[in-house]
């Protein structure tokens, strides 16, 4: 197995779990008819976190694999 692979695989798995959690929280948010200021603030925080995850995935997936055997 490649040396850098486990860390990247583990990080991707963690990000995937976090995305699933955020999606679940967002689904609950949108099921409500009325939203408090706290609800709206939390939704904005989740949206910001999703953007951060997207940026992190772009960085992770665009890095060349320097440990490649070829």
N, C-alpha and C. Protein backbone atom coordinates (compact mmCIF):
# COMPACT_ATOMS: atom_id res chain seq x y z
N UNK A 1 0.84 -1.18 0.00
CA UNK A 1 0.00 0.00 0.00
C UNK A 1 0.88 1.24 0.00
N UNK A 2 0.45 2.29 -0.66
CA UNK A 2 1.22 3.52 -0.74
C UNK A 2 1.22 4.23 0.60
N UNK A 3 2.33 4.85 0.91
CA UNK A 3 2.51 5.46 2.22
C UNK A 3 1.49 6.56 2.51
N UNK A 4 1.20 7.46 1.59
CA UNK A 4 0.27 8.55 1.81
C UNK A 4 -1.19 8.16 1.68
N UNK A 5 -1.45 6.98 1.18
CA UNK A 5 -2.81 6.56 0.89
C UNK A 5 -3.71 6.42 2.11
N UNK A 6 -3.27 5.77 3.20
CA UNK A 6 -4.18 5.59 4.34
C UNK A 6 -4.69 6.91 4.90
N UNK A 7 -3.80 7.90 5.03
CA UNK A 7 -4.21 9.19 5.56
C UNK A 7 -5.24 9.84 4.66
N UNK A 8 -5.01 9.83 3.36
CA UNK A 8 -5.95 10.41 2.42
C UNK A 8 -7.26 9.64 2.43
N UNK A 9 -7.21 8.33 2.43
CA UNK A 9 -8.43 7.52 2.46
C UNK A 9 -9.22 7.76 3.73
N UNK A 10 -8.51 7.84 4.85
CA UNK A 10 -9.17 8.09 6.13
C UNK A 10 -9.80 9.48 6.14
N UNK A 11 -9.08 10.46 5.62
CA UNK A 11 -9.61 11.83 5.58
C UNK A 11 -10.84 11.90 4.69
N UNK A 12 -10.80 11.24 3.54
CA UNK A 12 -11.95 11.22 2.64
C UNK A 12 -13.16 10.56 3.31
N UNK A 13 -12.92 9.48 4.04
CA UNK A 13 -14.01 8.81 4.75
C UNK A 13 -14.60 9.73 5.82
N UNK A 14 -13.75 10.46 6.53
CA UNK A 14 -14.23 11.39 7.55
C UNK A 14 -15.04 12.53 6.93
N UNK A 15 -14.56 13.04 5.80
CA UNK A 15 -15.30 14.10 5.11
C UNK A 15 -16.65 13.59 4.61
N UNK A 16 -16.67 12.38 4.13
CA UNK A 16 -17.92 11.80 3.65
C UNK A 16 -18.94 11.68 4.79
N UNK A 17 -18.46 11.24 5.96
CA UNK A 17 -19.36 11.16 7.12
C UNK A 17 -19.86 12.54 7.54
N UNK A 18 -18.97 13.50 7.49
CA UNK A 18 -19.36 14.86 7.87
C UNK A 18 -20.40 15.41 6.89
N UNK A 19 -20.21 15.16 5.61
CA UNK A 19 -21.18 15.61 4.61
C UNK A 19 -22.54 14.95 4.87
N UNK A 20 -22.54 13.67 5.18
CA UNK A 20 -23.79 12.96 5.48
C UNK A 20 -24.48 13.59 6.68
N UNK A 21 -23.72 13.90 7.72
CA UNK A 21 -24.29 14.55 8.91
C UNK A 21 -24.87 15.92 8.57
N UNK A 22 -24.14 16.70 7.79
CA UNK A 22 -24.62 18.03 7.41
C UNK A 22 -25.88 17.94 6.56
N UNK A 23 -25.93 16.97 5.66
CA UNK A 23 -27.13 16.79 4.83
C UNK A 23 -28.34 16.44 5.68
N UNK A 24 -28.13 15.61 6.69
CA UNK A 24 -29.21 15.23 7.59
C UNK A 24 -29.72 16.44 8.37
N UNK A 25 -28.80 17.22 8.88
CA UNK A 25 -29.19 18.44 9.61
C UNK A 25 -29.90 19.43 8.69
N UNK A 26 -29.43 19.56 7.47
CA UNK A 26 -30.09 20.46 6.51
C UNK A 26 -31.49 19.96 6.16
N UNK A 27 -31.67 18.65 6.03
CA UNK A 27 -33.00 18.10 5.74
C UNK A 27 -33.96 18.44 6.87
N UNK A 28 -33.50 18.29 8.10
CA UNK A 28 -34.33 18.64 9.26
C UNK A 28 -34.68 20.12 9.25
N UNK A 29 -33.71 20.94 8.90
CA UNK A 29 -33.94 22.39 8.83
C UNK A 29 -35.03 22.72 7.82
N UNK A 30 -34.97 22.12 6.64
CA UNK A 30 -35.92 22.46 5.59
C UNK A 30 -37.30 21.85 5.82
N UNK A 31 -37.41 20.87 6.70
CA UNK A 31 -38.71 20.31 7.04
C UNK A 31 -39.52 21.26 7.92
N UNK A 32 -38.84 22.11 8.65
CA UNK A 32 -39.51 23.07 9.53
C UNK A 32 -40.15 24.18 8.71
N UNK A 33 -41.28 24.66 9.21
CA UNK A 33 -41.95 25.79 8.54
C UNK A 33 -41.34 27.13 8.97
N UNK A 34 -41.01 27.24 10.26
CA UNK A 34 -40.44 28.47 10.78
C UNK A 34 -39.05 28.19 11.32
N UNK A 35 -38.18 29.19 11.15
CA UNK A 35 -36.80 29.05 11.61
C UNK A 35 -36.45 30.19 12.54
N UNK A 36 -35.86 29.84 13.67
CA UNK A 36 -35.38 30.86 14.59
C UNK A 36 -34.07 31.43 14.05
N UNK A 37 -33.61 32.48 14.69
CA UNK A 37 -32.33 33.07 14.31
C UNK A 37 -31.20 32.06 14.51
N UNK A 38 -31.31 31.26 15.57
CA UNK A 38 -30.30 30.23 15.85
C UNK A 38 -30.31 29.18 14.73
N UNK A 39 -31.51 28.77 14.30
CA UNK A 39 -31.63 27.80 13.20
C UNK A 39 -30.98 28.35 11.93
N UNK A 40 -31.28 29.62 11.63
CA UNK A 40 -30.73 30.23 10.42
C UNK A 40 -29.22 30.36 10.49
N UNK A 41 -28.73 30.74 11.66
CA UNK A 41 -27.28 30.85 11.85
C UNK A 41 -26.60 29.49 11.69
N UNK A 42 -27.21 28.46 12.26
CA UNK A 42 -26.66 27.11 12.14
C UNK A 42 -26.66 26.66 10.67
N UNK A 43 -27.70 26.98 9.95
CA UNK A 43 -27.78 26.61 8.53
C UNK A 43 -26.68 27.32 7.73
N UNK A 44 -26.44 28.57 8.06
CA UNK A 44 -25.36 29.31 7.39
C UNK A 44 -24.00 28.70 7.71
N UNK A 45 -23.83 28.28 8.96
CA UNK A 45 -22.58 27.62 9.35
C UNK A 45 -22.38 26.32 8.60
N UNK A 46 -23.45 25.56 8.44
CA UNK A 46 -23.36 24.30 7.68
C UNK A 46 -23.02 24.56 6.22
N UNK A 47 -23.64 25.59 5.65
CA UNK A 47 -23.35 25.93 4.25
C UNK A 47 -21.88 26.33 4.09
N UNK A 48 -21.37 27.09 5.04
CA UNK A 48 -19.96 27.49 5.00
C UNK A 48 -19.06 26.27 5.13
N UNK A 49 -19.41 25.36 6.02
CA UNK A 49 -18.59 24.15 6.20
C UNK A 49 -18.59 23.31 4.94
N UNK A 50 -19.72 23.20 4.27
CA UNK A 50 -19.78 22.45 3.01
C UNK A 50 -18.85 23.06 1.96
N UNK A 51 -18.79 24.38 1.91
CA UNK A 51 -17.87 25.04 0.98
C UNK A 51 -16.42 24.74 1.35
N UNK A 52 -16.12 24.74 2.64
CA UNK A 52 -14.77 24.41 3.09
C UNK A 52 -14.40 22.97 2.72
N UNK A 53 -15.35 22.07 2.89
CA UNK A 53 -15.11 20.66 2.52
C UNK A 53 -14.85 20.55 1.02
N UNK A 54 -15.65 21.28 0.24
CA UNK A 54 -15.47 21.26 -1.21
C UNK A 54 -14.07 21.72 -1.59
N UNK A 55 -13.61 22.80 -0.96
CA UNK A 55 -12.26 23.30 -1.24
C UNK A 55 -11.20 22.28 -0.82
N UNK A 56 -11.40 21.65 0.33
CA UNK A 56 -10.44 20.66 0.80
C UNK A 56 -10.39 19.46 -0.14
N UNK A 57 -11.54 19.03 -0.62
CA UNK A 57 -11.58 17.91 -1.57
C UNK A 57 -10.85 18.27 -2.86
N UNK A 58 -11.04 19.50 -3.32
CA UNK A 58 -10.33 19.94 -4.53
C UNK A 58 -8.82 19.86 -4.33
N UNK A 59 -8.35 20.27 -3.17
CA UNK A 59 -6.91 20.22 -2.89
C UNK A 59 -6.44 18.77 -2.80
N UNK A 60 -7.18 17.95 -2.05
CA UNK A 60 -6.79 16.55 -1.88
C UNK A 60 -6.75 15.80 -3.21
N UNK A 61 -7.74 16.05 -4.04
CA UNK A 61 -7.85 15.29 -5.28
C UNK A 61 -7.00 15.86 -6.41
N UNK A 62 -6.50 17.08 -6.25
CA UNK A 62 -5.68 17.65 -7.32
C UNK A 62 -4.19 17.46 -7.06
N UNK A 63 -3.82 17.02 -5.87
CA UNK A 63 -2.40 16.79 -5.57
C UNK A 63 -1.91 15.57 -6.34
N UNK A 64 -0.78 15.70 -7.01
CA UNK A 64 -0.22 14.52 -7.66
C UNK A 64 0.27 13.52 -6.61
N UNK A 65 0.12 12.28 -6.91
CA UNK A 65 0.55 11.22 -5.99
C UNK A 65 2.05 11.01 -6.17
N UNK A 66 2.84 11.63 -5.29
CA UNK A 66 4.30 11.53 -5.42
C UNK A 66 4.82 10.16 -5.03
N UNK A 67 3.99 9.35 -4.38
CA UNK A 67 4.42 8.02 -3.96
C UNK A 67 4.06 6.95 -5.01
N UNK A 68 3.58 7.39 -6.16
CA UNK A 68 3.19 6.44 -7.20
C UNK A 68 4.40 5.61 -7.63
N UNK A 69 4.18 4.39 -7.93
CA UNK A 69 5.26 3.47 -8.27
C UNK A 69 5.83 3.71 -9.67
N UNK A 70 5.13 4.36 -10.51
CA UNK A 70 5.64 4.57 -11.86
C UNK A 70 6.42 5.83 -11.86
